[in-house]
Every structure is written in C-alpha cells, then in structure tokens.
C-alpha cells in the first residue's frame, strides 16, 4: 500500500497517521519563524530534537548541530515554524516534517 492509500484509508476509518519526516541530511535550515532557538538544555541530542519537532504541530523542520569539539557537551537544537532556505553543512543535521 503506498503512502497516499495509507493516508486515505486512515482518514476513512479515523486512525491516527504517523507524521512522516524527511530523511535527515547534512544541512542547515533558516526560517522566518523559529519556535525554539539554540536549545542546549532540553533537546541536547538529535533524537530529542527530532521528537520535539514531531510533537509540536507548528514545527515544519529542525536543525541539530552537535558540539563542535566536545562530544560530551550538549548540541544545539532549533525548531522551525517554516523553512525558507536550506544550505549544505558539514557540522549540522536538518530535516522537515511532512504535515
């Protein structure tokens, strides 16, 4: 069953459909509206940054940058309300949520 058929079937029978996330890539995203900027206390790992974006209905995408020289230090999580630019990056990982 393809994605459209799954979505259509779920809508017809009222089942919740999991949000699809774009495969993360080595990139940095810019936004007009930032929901969460440079969180270094709560969402310090890639997994918690992604989970926070999935849980927020206003989140369109995320960017996560690990600490540049100390793997034991927290990374930076940004949750974005919209995305207007995506750039290649060798230091950050980003992705989009398909809503």
PDB file of N, CA and C in Angstrom:
ATOM      1  N   UNK A   1       0.856  -1.163   0.000  1.00  0.00           N
ATOM      2  CA  UNK A   1       0.000   0.000   0.000  1.00  0.00           C
ATOM      3  C   UNK A   1       0.908   1.234   0.000  1.00  0.00           C
ATOM      4  N   UNK A   2       0.672   2.139  -0.937  1.00  0.00           N
ATOM      5  CA  UNK A   2       1.521   3.332  -0.971  1.00  0.00           C
ATOM      6  C   UNK A   2       1.070   4.348   0.075  1.00  0.00           C
ATOM      7  N   UNK A   3       1.842   5.397   0.232  1.00  0.00           N
ATOM      8  CA  UNK A   3       1.593   6.388   1.290  1.00  0.00           C
ATOM      9  C   UNK A   3       0.228   7.043   1.151  1.00  0.00           C
ATOM     10  N   UNK A   4      -0.170   7.384  -0.081  1.00  0.00           N
ATOM     11  CA  UNK A   4      -1.467   8.013  -0.292  1.00  0.00           C
ATOM     12  C   UNK A   4      -2.595   7.069   0.106  1.00  0.00           C
ATOM     13  N   UNK A   5      -2.483   5.814  -0.274  1.00  0.00           N
ATOM     14  CA  UNK A   5      -3.523   4.849   0.075  1.00  0.00           C
ATOM     15  C   UNK A   5      -3.612   4.664   1.585  1.00  0.00           C
ATOM     16  N   UNK A   6      -2.458   4.647   2.256  1.00  0.00           N
ATOM     17  CA  UNK A   6      -2.446   4.516   3.710  1.00  0.00           C
ATOM     18  C   UNK A   6      -3.132   5.711   4.354  1.00  0.00           C
ATOM     19  N   UNK A   7      -2.812   6.919   3.890  1.00  0.00           N
ATOM     20  CA  UNK A   7      -3.421   8.135   4.422  1.00  0.00           C
ATOM     21  C   UNK A   7      -4.924   8.132   4.172  1.00  0.00           C
ATOM     22  N   UNK A   8      -5.328   7.779   2.962  1.00  0.00           N
ATOM     23  CA  UNK A   8      -6.756   7.758   2.632  1.00  0.00           C
ATOM     24  C   UNK A   8      -7.499   6.734   3.498  1.00  0.00           C
ATOM     25  N   UNK A   9      -6.913   5.558   3.667  1.00  0.00           N
ATOM     26  CA  UNK A   9      -7.546   4.529   4.489  1.00  0.00           C
ATOM     27  C   UNK A   9      -7.649   4.979   5.942  1.00  0.00           C
ATOM     28  N   UNK A  10      -6.604   5.592   6.460  1.00  0.00           N
ATOM     29  CA  UNK A  10      -6.619   6.053   7.848  1.00  0.00           C
ATOM     30  C   UNK A  10      -7.664   7.138   8.054  1.00  0.00           C
ATOM     31  N   UNK A  11      -7.813   8.023   7.069  1.00  0.00           N
ATOM     32  CA  UNK A  11      -8.821   9.083   7.186  1.00  0.00           C
ATOM     33  C   UNK A  11     -10.228   8.495   7.182  1.00  0.00           C
ATOM     34  N   UNK A  12     -10.432   7.490   6.352  1.00  0.00           N
ATOM     35  CA  UNK A  12     -11.759   6.882   6.257  1.00  0.00           C
ATOM     36  C   UNK A  12     -12.151   6.154   7.531  1.00  0.00           C
ATOM     37  N   UNK A  13     -11.196   5.508   8.186  1.00  0.00           N
ATOM     38  CA  UNK A  13     -11.548   4.756   9.387  1.00  0.00           C
ATOM     39  C   UNK A  13     -11.163   5.491  10.669  1.00  0.00           C
ATOM     40  N   UNK A  14     -10.584   6.687  10.545  1.00  0.00           N
ATOM     41  CA  UNK A  14     -10.310   7.523  11.701  1.00  0.00           C
ATOM     42  C   UNK A  14      -9.088   7.149  12.515  1.00  0.00           C
ATOM     43  N   UNK A  15      -8.146   6.423  11.928  1.00  0.00           N
ATOM     44  CA  UNK A  15      -6.934   6.072  12.664  1.00  0.00           C
ATOM     45  C   UNK A  15      -5.915   7.200  12.564  1.00  0.00           C
ATOM     46  N   UNK A  16      -5.132   7.394  13.621  1.00  0.00           N
ATOM     47  CA  UNK A  16      -4.081   8.399  13.532  1.00  0.00           C
ATOM     48  C   UNK A  16      -2.995   7.940  12.570  1.00  0.00           C
ATOM     49  N   UNK A  17      -2.466   8.867  11.807  1.00  0.00           N
ATOM     50  CA  UNK A  17      -1.406   8.577  10.851  1.00  0.00           C
ATOM     51  C   UNK A  17      -0.117   9.177  11.385  1.00  0.00           C
ATOM     52  N   UNK A  18       0.961   8.401  11.455  1.00  0.00           N
ATOM     53  CA  UNK A  18       2.202   8.973  11.945  1.00  0.00           C
ATOM     54  C   UNK A  18       2.718  10.047  10.991  1.00  0.00           C
ATOM     55  N   UNK A  19       3.327  11.085  11.561  1.00  0.00           N
ATOM     56  CA  UNK A  19       3.901  12.139  10.735  1.00  0.00           C
ATOM     57  C   UNK A  19       5.136  11.615  10.050  1.00  0.00           C
ATOM     58  N   UNK A  20       5.254  11.919   8.785  1.00  0.00           N
ATOM     59  CA  UNK A  20       6.436  11.499   8.047  1.00  0.00           C
ATOM     60  C   UNK A  20       7.507  12.566   8.200  1.00  0.00           C
ATOM     61  N   UNK A  21       8.705  12.138   8.379  1.00  0.00           N
ATOM     62  CA  UNK A  21       9.823  13.064   8.480  1.00  0.00           C
ATOM     63  C   UNK A  21      10.745  12.831   7.296  1.00  0.00           C
ATOM     64  N   UNK A  22      11.226  13.904   6.736  1.00  0.00           N
ATOM     65  CA  UNK A  22      12.205  13.807   5.674  1.00  0.00           C
ATOM     66  C   UNK A  22      13.463  13.165   6.254  1.00  0.00           C
ATOM     67  N   UNK A  23      14.124  12.351   5.468  1.00  0.00           N
ATOM     68  CA  UNK A  23      15.380  11.778   5.928  1.00  0.00           C
ATOM     69  C   UNK A  23      16.347  12.917   6.228  1.00  0.00           C
ATOM     70  N   UNK A  24      16.963  12.882   7.401  1.00  0.00           N
ATOM     71  CA  UNK A  24      17.877  13.971   7.746  1.00  0.00           C
ATOM     72  C   UNK A  24      19.093  13.974   6.838  1.00  0.00           C
ATOM     73  N   UNK A  25      19.616  15.142   6.637  1.00  0.00           N
ATOM     74  CA  UNK A  25      20.804  15.290   5.818  1.00  0.00           C
ATOM     75  C   UNK A  25      21.761  16.273   6.459  1.00  0.00           C
ATOM     76  N   UNK A  26      22.942  16.364   5.932  1.00  0.00           N
ATOM     77  CA  UNK A  26      23.916  17.326   6.436  1.00  0.00           C
ATOM     78  C   UNK A  26      23.581  18.690   5.852  1.00  0.00           C
ATOM     79  N   UNK A  27      22.818  19.443   6.621  1.00  0.00           N
ATOM     80  CA  UNK A  27      22.362  20.741   6.143  1.00  0.00           C
ATOM     81  C   UNK A  27      22.032  21.646   7.319  1.00  0.00           C
ATOM     82  N   UNK A  28      21.820  22.902   7.010  1.00  0.00           N
ATOM     83  CA  UNK A  28      21.404  23.922   7.969  1.00  0.00           C
ATOM     84  C   UNK A  28      20.221  24.638   7.344  1.00  0.00           C
ATOM     85  N   UNK A  29      19.148  24.823   8.114  1.00  0.00           N
ATOM     86  CA  UNK A  29      17.954  25.476   7.595  1.00  0.00           C
ATOM     87  C   UNK A  29      17.751  26.822   8.268  1.00  0.00           C
ATOM     88  N   UNK A  30      17.215  27.750   7.511  1.00  0.00           N
ATOM     89  CA  UNK A  30      16.859  29.072   8.031  1.00  0.00           C
ATOM     90  C   UNK A  30      15.354  29.222   7.958  1.00  0.00           C
ATOM     91  N   UNK A  31      14.802  29.993   8.889  1.00  0.00           N
ATOM     92  CA  UNK A  31      13.349  30.170   8.946  1.00  0.00           C
ATOM     93  C   UNK A  31      13.003  31.607   9.283  1.00  0.00           C
ATOM     94  N   UNK A  32      11.782  31.992   8.947  1.00  0.00           N
ATOM     95  CA  UNK A  32      11.254  33.295   9.356  1.00  0.00           C
ATOM     96  C   UNK A  32      10.777  33.196  10.797  1.00  0.00           C
ATOM     97  N   UNK A  33      10.112  32.091  11.133  1.00  0.00           N
ATOM     98  CA  UNK A  33       9.617  31.912  12.498  1.00  0.00           C
ATOM     99  C   UNK A  33      10.313  30.726  13.147  1.00  0.00           C
ATOM    100  N   UNK A  34      11.031  31.007  14.207  1.00  0.00           N
ATOM    101  CA  UNK A  34      11.727  29.969  14.957  1.00  0.00           C
ATOM    102  C   UNK A  34      10.937  29.667  16.216  1.00  0.00           C
ATOM    103  N   UNK A  35      10.585  28.415  16.418  1.00  0.00           N
ATOM    104  CA  UNK A  35       9.818  28.001  17.587  1.00  0.00           C
ATOM    105  C   UNK A  35      10.737  27.858  18.790  1.00  0.00           C
ATOM    106  N   UNK A  36      11.903  27.314  18.563  1.00  0.00           N
ATOM    107  CA  UNK A  36      12.885  27.096  19.616  1.00  0.00           C
ATOM    108  C   UNK A  36      14.253  27.347  19.011  1.00  0.00           C
ATOM    109  N   UNK A  37      15.013  28.241  19.615  1.00  0.00           N
ATOM    110  CA  UNK A  37      16.323  28.582  19.073  1.00  0.00           C
ATOM    111  C   UNK A  37      17.434  28.194  20.032  1.00  0.00           C
ATOM    112  N   UNK A  38      18.394  27.473  19.519  1.00  0.00           N
ATOM    113  CA  UNK A  38      19.618  27.138  20.252  1.00  0.00           C
ATOM    114  C   UNK A  38      19.371  26.571  21.639  1.00  0.00           C
ATOM    115  N   UNK A  39      18.518  25.572  21.725  1.00  0.00           N
ATOM    116  CA  UNK A  39      18.266  24.895  22.995  1.00  0.00           C
ATOM    117  C   UNK A  39      19.466  24.006  23.317  1.00  0.00           C
ATOM    118  N   UNK A  40      20.144  24.298  24.405  1.00  0.00           N
ATOM    119  CA  UNK A  40      21.292  23.485  24.820  1.00  0.00           C
ATOM    120  C   UNK A  40      21.025  22.819  26.168  1.00  0.00           C
ATOM    121  N   UNK A  41      19.766  22.862  26.636  1.00  0.00           N
ATOM    122  CA  UNK A  41      19.456  22.284  27.935  1.00  0.00           C
ATOM    123  C   UNK A  41      18.470  21.119  27.851  1.00  0.00           C
ATOM    124  N   UNK A  42      17.431  21.234  27.045  1.00  0.00           N
ATOM    125  CA  UNK A  42      16.389  20.214  26.995  1.00  0.00           C
ATOM    126  C   UNK A  42      16.614  19.217  25.862  1.00  0.00           C
ATOM    127  N   UNK A  43      16.805  19.702  24.666  1.00  0.00           N
ATOM    128  CA  UNK A  43      16.930  18.854  23.477  1.00  0.00           C
ATOM    129  C   UNK A  43      18.389  18.865  23.029  1.00  0.00           C
ATOM    130  N   UNK A  44      19.206  18.147  23.765  1.00  0.00           N
ATOM    131  CA  UNK A  44      20.650  18.201  23.550  1.00  0.00           C
ATOM    132  C   UNK A  44      21.166  17.085  22.644  1.00  0.00           C
ATOM    133  N   UNK A  45      20.289  16.214  22.214  1.00  0.00           N
ATOM    134  CA  UNK A  45      20.652  15.113  21.320  1.00  0.00           C
ATOM    135  C   UNK A  45      19.774  15.193  20.079  1.00  0.00           C
ATOM    136  N   UNK A  46      20.247  14.614  19.000  1.00  0.00           N
ATOM    137  CA  UNK A  46      19.484  14.601  17.753  1.00  0.00           C
ATOM    138  C   UNK A  46      18.085  14.010  17.959  1.00  0.00           C
ATOM    139  N   UNK A  47      18.003  12.885  18.655  1.00  0.00           N
ATOM    140  CA  UNK A  47      16.719  12.193  18.838  1.00  0.00           C
ATOM    141  C   UNK A  47      15.700  13.055  19.582  1.00  0.00           C
ATOM    142  N   UNK A  48      16.124  13.794  20.612  1.00  0.00           N
ATOM    143  CA  UNK A  48      15.172  14.624  21.351  1.00  0.00           C
ATOM    144  C   UNK A  48      14.780  15.854  20.548  1.00  0.00           C
ATOM    145  N   UNK A  49      15.686  16.347  19.732  1.00  0.00           N
ATOM    146  CA  UNK A  49      15.366  17.490  18.860  1.00  0.00           C
ATOM    147  C   UNK A  49      14.302  17.076  17.838  1.00  0.00           C
ATOM    148  N   UNK A  50      14.502  15.944  17.195  1.00  0.00           N
ATOM    149  CA  UNK A  50      13.531  15.438  16.222  1.00  0.00           C
ATOM    150  C   UNK A  50      12.190  15.148  16.889  1.00  0.00           C
ATOM    151  N   UNK A  51      12.210  14.520  18.061  1.00  0.00           N
ATOM    152  CA  UNK A  51      10.969  14.205  18.774  1.00  0.00           C
ATOM    153  C   UNK A  51      10.209  15.473  19.150  1.00  0.00           C
ATOM    154  N   UNK A  52      10.927  16.516  19.542  1.00  0.00           N
ATOM    155  CA  UNK A  52      10.277  17.780  19.888  1.00  0.00           C
ATOM    156  C   UNK A  52       9.590  18.391  18.675  1.00  0.00           C
ATOM    157  N   UNK A  53      10.212  18.299  17.525  1.00  0.00           N
ATOM    158  CA  UNK A  53       9.596  18.834  16.304  1.00  0.00           C
ATOM    159  C   UNK A  53       8.357  18.022  15.931  1.00  0.00           C
ATOM    160  N   UNK A  54       8.452  16.716  16.014  1.00  0.00           N
ATOM    161  CA  UNK A  54       7.291  15.868  15.701  1.00  0.00           C
ATOM    162  C   UNK A  54       6.126  16.147  16.636  1.00  0.00           C
ATOM    163  N   UNK A  55       6.418  16.472  17.896  1.00  0.00           N
ATOM    164  CA  UNK A  55       5.362  16.697  18.894  1.00  0.00           C
ATOM    165  C   UNK A  55       4.719  18.070  18.783  1.00  0.00           C
ATOM    166  N   UNK A  56       5.371  19.014  18.142  1.00  0.00           N
ATOM    167  CA  UNK A  56       4.843  20.378  18.036  1.00  0.00           C
ATOM    168  C   UNK A  56       4.113  20.541  16.707  1.00  0.00           C
ATOM    169  N   UNK A  57       2.813  20.787  16.730  1.00  0.00           N
ATOM    170  CA  UNK A  57       2.058  20.887  15.471  1.00  0.00           C
ATOM    171  C   UNK A  57       2.481  22.063  14.590  1.00  0.00           C
ATOM    172  N   UNK A  58       3.193  23.035  15.149  1.00  0.00           N
ATOM    173  CA  UNK A  58       3.639  24.183  14.366  1.00  0.00           C
ATOM    174  C   UNK A  58       5.035  23.998  13.783  1.00  0.00           C
ATOM    175  N   UNK A  59       5.697  22.898  14.102  1.00  0.00           N
ATOM    176  CA  UNK A  59       7.071  22.687  13.657  1.00  0.00           C
ATOM    177  C   UNK A  59       7.095  22.126  12.238  1.00  0.00           C
ATOM    178  N   UNK A  60       7.781  22.828  11.349  1.00  0.00           N
ATOM    179  CA  UNK A  60       7.921  22.385   9.962  1.00  0.00           C
ATOM    180  C   UNK A  60       9.248  21.674   9.726  1.00  0.00           C
ATOM    181  N   UNK A  61      10.228  21.928  10.588  1.00  0.00           N
ATOM    182  CA  UNK A  61      11.532  21.303  10.417  1.00  0.00           C
ATOM    183  C   UNK A  61      12.433  21.598  11.592  1.00  0.00           C
ATOM    184  N   UNK A  62      13.602  21.000  11.588  1.00  0.00           N
ATOM    185  CA  UNK A  62      14.542  21.154  12.689  1.00  0.00           C
ATOM    186  C   UNK A  62      15.960  21.196  12.133  1.00  0.00           C
ATOM    187  N   UNK A  63      16.839  21.766  12.919  1.00  0.00           N
ATOM    188  CA  UNK A  63      18.268  21.723  12.658  1.00  0.00           C
ATOM    189  C   UNK A  63      18.944  21.351  13.967  1.00  0.00           C
ATOM    190  N   UNK A  64      19.836  20.383  13.916  1.00  0.00           N
ATOM    191  CA  UNK A  64      20.581  19.987  15.103  1.00  0.00           C
ATOM    192  C   UNK A  64      22.069  20.054  14.786  1.00  0.00           C
ATOM    193  N   UNK A  65      22.806  20.734  15.637  1.00  0.00           N
ATOM    194  CA  UNK A  65      24.253  20.840  15.475  1.00  0.00           C
ATOM    195  C   UNK A  65      24.934  20.307  16.726  1.00  0.00           C
ATOM    196  N   UNK A  66      25.658  19.192  16.605  1.00  0.00           N
ATOM    197  CA  UNK A  66      26.400  18.699  17.766  1.00  0.00           C
ATOM    198  C   UNK A  66      27.473  19.701  18.176  1.00  0.00           C
ATOM    199  N   UNK A  67      27.934  19.588  19.396  1.00  0.00           N
ATOM    200  CA  UNK A  67      29.010  20.467  19.856  1.00  0.00           C
ATOM    201  C   UNK A  67      30.208  20.264  18.937  1.00  0.00           C
ATOM    202  N   UNK A  68      30.871  21.337  18.572  1.00  0.00           N
ATOM    203  CA  UNK A  68      31.904  21.261  17.543  1.00  0.00           C
ATOM    204  C   UNK A  68      33.182  20.543  17.955  1.00  0.00           C
ATOM    205  N   UNK A  69      33.544  20.564  19.227  1.00  0.00           N
ATOM    206  CA  UNK A  69      34.812  19.933  19.583  1.00  0.00           C
ATOM    207  C   UNK A  69      34.736  19.041  20.813  1.00  0.00           C
ATOM    208  N   UNK A  70      33.610  18.977  21.499  1.00  0.00           N
ATOM    209  CA  UNK A  70      33.486  18.154  22.692  1.00  0.00           C
ATOM    210  C   UNK A  70      32.213  17.322  22.600  1.00  0.00           C
ATOM    211  N   UNK A  71      32.367  16.058  22.265  1.00  0.00           N
ATOM    212  CA  UNK A  71      31.201  15.186  22.078  1.00  0.00           C
ATOM    213  C   UNK A  71      30.387  15.008  23.358  1.00  0.00           C
ATOM    214  N   UNK A  72      30.976  15.262  24.511  1.00  0.00           N
ATOM    215  CA  UNK A  72      30.258  15.135  25.780  1.00  0.00           C
ATOM    216  C   UNK A  72      29.398  16.363  26.075  1.00  0.00           C
ATOM    217  N   UNK A  73      29.624  17.453  25.372  1.00  0.00           N
ATOM    218  CA  UNK A  73      28.843  18.680  25.581  1.00  0.00           C
ATOM    219  C   UNK A  73      27.558  18.629  24.765  1.00  0.00           C
ATOM    220  N   UNK A  74      26.536  19.366  25.217  1.00  0.00           N
ATOM    221  CA  UNK A  74      25.252  19.326  24.506  1.00  0.00           C
ATOM    222  C   UNK A  74      25.326  19.961  23.124  1.00  0.00           C
ATOM    223  N   UNK A  75      24.472  19.476  22.254  1.00  0.00           N
ATOM    224  CA  UNK A  75      24.348  20.074  20.936  1.00  0.00           C
ATOM    225  C   UNK A  75      23.321  21.191  20.959  1.00  0.00           C
ATOM    226  N   UNK A  76      23.066  21.794  19.798  1.00  0.00           N
ATOM    227  CA  UNK A  76      22.106  22.889  19.661  1.00  0.00           C
ATOM    228  C   UNK A  76      20.942  22.425  18.799  1.00  0.00           C
ATOM    229  N   UNK A  77      19.739  22.608  19.314  1.00  0.00           N
ATOM    230  CA  UNK A  77      18.521  22.225  18.604  1.00  0.00           C
ATOM    231  C   UNK A  77      17.745  23.488  18.240  1.00  0.00           C
ATOM    232  N   UNK A  78      17.310  23.573  16.984  1.00  0.00           N
ATOM    233  CA  UNK A  78      16.417  24.646  16.554  1.00  0.00           C
ATOM    234  C   UNK A  78      15.180  24.011  15.936  1.00  0.00           C
ATOM    235  N   UNK A  79      14.014  24.454  16.399  1.00  0.00           N
ATOM    236  CA  UNK A  79      12.750  24.033  15.812  1.00  0.00           C
ATOM    237  C   UNK A  79      12.227  25.195  14.989  1.00  0.00           C
ATOM    238  N   UNK A  80      11.825  24.907  13.770  1.00  0.00           N
ATOM    239  CA  UNK A  80      11.470  25.952  12.814  1.00  0.00           C
ATOM    240  C   UNK A  80       9.994  25.884  12.431  1.00  0.00           C
ATOM    241  N   UNK A  81       9.344  27.041  12.441  1.00  0.00           N
ATOM    242  CA  UNK A  81       7.943  27.118  12.062  1.00  0.00           C
ATOM    243  C   UNK A  81       7.736  27.113  10.562  1.00  0.00           C
ATOM    244  N   UNK A  82       8.750  27.500   9.842  1.00  0.00           N
ATOM    245  CA  UNK A  82       8.728  27.475   8.384  1.00  0.00           C
ATOM    246  C   UNK A  82      10.178  27.371   7.926  1.00  0.00           C
ATOM    247  N   UNK A  83      10.366  27.049   6.680  1.00  0.00           N
ATOM    248  CA  UNK A  83      11.722  26.921   6.161  1.00  0.00           C
ATOM    249  C   UNK A  83      11.793  27.683   4.850  1.00  0.00           C
ATOM    250  N   UNK A  84      12.696  28.645   4.770  1.00  0.00           N
ATOM    251  CA  UNK A  84      12.835  29.359   3.513  1.00  0.00           C
ATOM    252  C   UNK A  84      14.167  29.107   2.841  1.00  0.00           C
ATOM    253  N   UNK A  85      15.122  28.512   3.539  1.00  0.00           N
ATOM    254  CA  UNK A  85      16.414  28.254   2.921  1.00  0.00           C
ATOM    255  C   UNK A  85      17.063  27.042   3.585  1.00  0.00           C
ATOM    256  N   UNK A  86      17.643  26.190   2.764  1.00  0.00           N
ATOM    257  CA  UNK A  86      18.401  25.044   3.252  1.00  0.00           C
ATOM    258  C   UNK A  86      19.765  25.089   2.596  1.00  0.00           C
ATOM    259  N   UNK A  87      20.801  25.004   3.417  1.00  0.00           N
ATOM    260  CA  UNK A  87      22.168  25.050   2.921  1.00  0.00           C
ATOM    261  C   UNK A  87      22.904  23.789   3.344  1.00  0.00           C
ATOM    262  N   UNK A  88      23.838  23.355   2.533  1.00  0.00           N
ATOM    263  CA  UNK A  88      24.684  22.214   2.898  1.00  0.00           C
ATOM    264  C   UNK A  88      25.543  22.606   4.097  1.00  0.00           C
ATOM    265  N   UNK A  89      25.799  21.640   4.969  1.00  0.00           N
ATOM    266  CA  UNK A  89      26.617  21.894   6.159  1.00  0.00           C
ATOM    267  C   UNK A  89      27.381  20.637   6.513  1.00  0.00           C
ATOM    268  N   UNK A  90      28.612  20.799   6.932  1.00  0.00           N
ATOM    269  CA  UNK A  90      29.367  19.644   7.404  1.00  0.00           C
ATOM    270  C   UNK A  90      29.314  19.523   8.920  1.00  0.00           C
ATOM    271  N   UNK A  91      28.594  20.447   9.585  1.00  0.00           N
ATOM    272  CA  UNK A  91      28.511  20.439  11.048  1.00  0.00           C
ATOM    273  C   UNK A  91      27.114  20.186  11.589  1.00  0.00           C
ATOM    274  N   UNK A  92      26.080  20.321  10.770  1.00  0.00           N
ATOM    275  CA  UNK A  92      24.706  20.227  11.271  1.00  0.00           C
ATOM    276  C   UNK A  92      23.916  19.177  10.504  1.00  0.00           C
ATOM    277  N   UNK A  93      22.822  18.733  11.114  1.00  0.00           N
ATOM    278  CA  UNK A  93      21.878  17.797  10.507  1.00  0.00           C
ATOM    279  C   UNK A  93      20.519  18.470  10.548  1.00  0.00           C
ATOM    280  N   UNK A  94      19.762  18.374   9.470  1.00  0.00           N
ATOM    281  CA  UNK A  94      18.442  19.003   9.483  1.00  0.00           C
ATOM    282  C   UNK A  94      17.450  18.131   8.724  1.00  0.00           C
ATOM    283  N   UNK A  95      16.182  18.456   8.876  1.00  0.00           N
ATOM    284  CA  UNK A  95      15.133  17.732   8.173  1.00  0.00           C
ATOM    285  C   UNK A  95      13.818  18.484   8.260  1.00  0.00           C
ATOM    286  N   UNK A  96      12.832  17.980   7.560  1.00  0.00           N
ATOM    287  CA  UNK A  96      11.490  18.582   7.527  1.00  0.00           C
ATOM    288  C   UNK A  96      10.459  17.558   7.972  1.00  0.00           C
ATOM    289  N   UNK A  97       9.371  18.063   8.498  1.00  0.00           N
ATOM    290  CA  UNK A  97       8.226  17.232   8.853  1.00  0.00           C
ATOM    291  C   UNK A  97       7.156  17.463   7.798  1.00  0.00           C
ATOM    292  N   UNK A  98       6.673  16.388   7.196  1.00  0.00           N
ATOM    293  CA  UNK A  98       5.579  16.499   6.218  1.00  0.00           C
ATOM    294  C   UNK A  98       4.268  16.486   6.974  1.00  0.00           C
ATOM    295  N   UNK A  99       3.546  17.565   6.918  1.00  0.00           N
ATOM    296  CA  UNK A  99       2.261  17.660   7.611  1.00  0.00           C
ATOM    297  C   UNK A  99       1.150  17.768   6.603  1.00  0.00           C
TER     298      UNK A  99
END
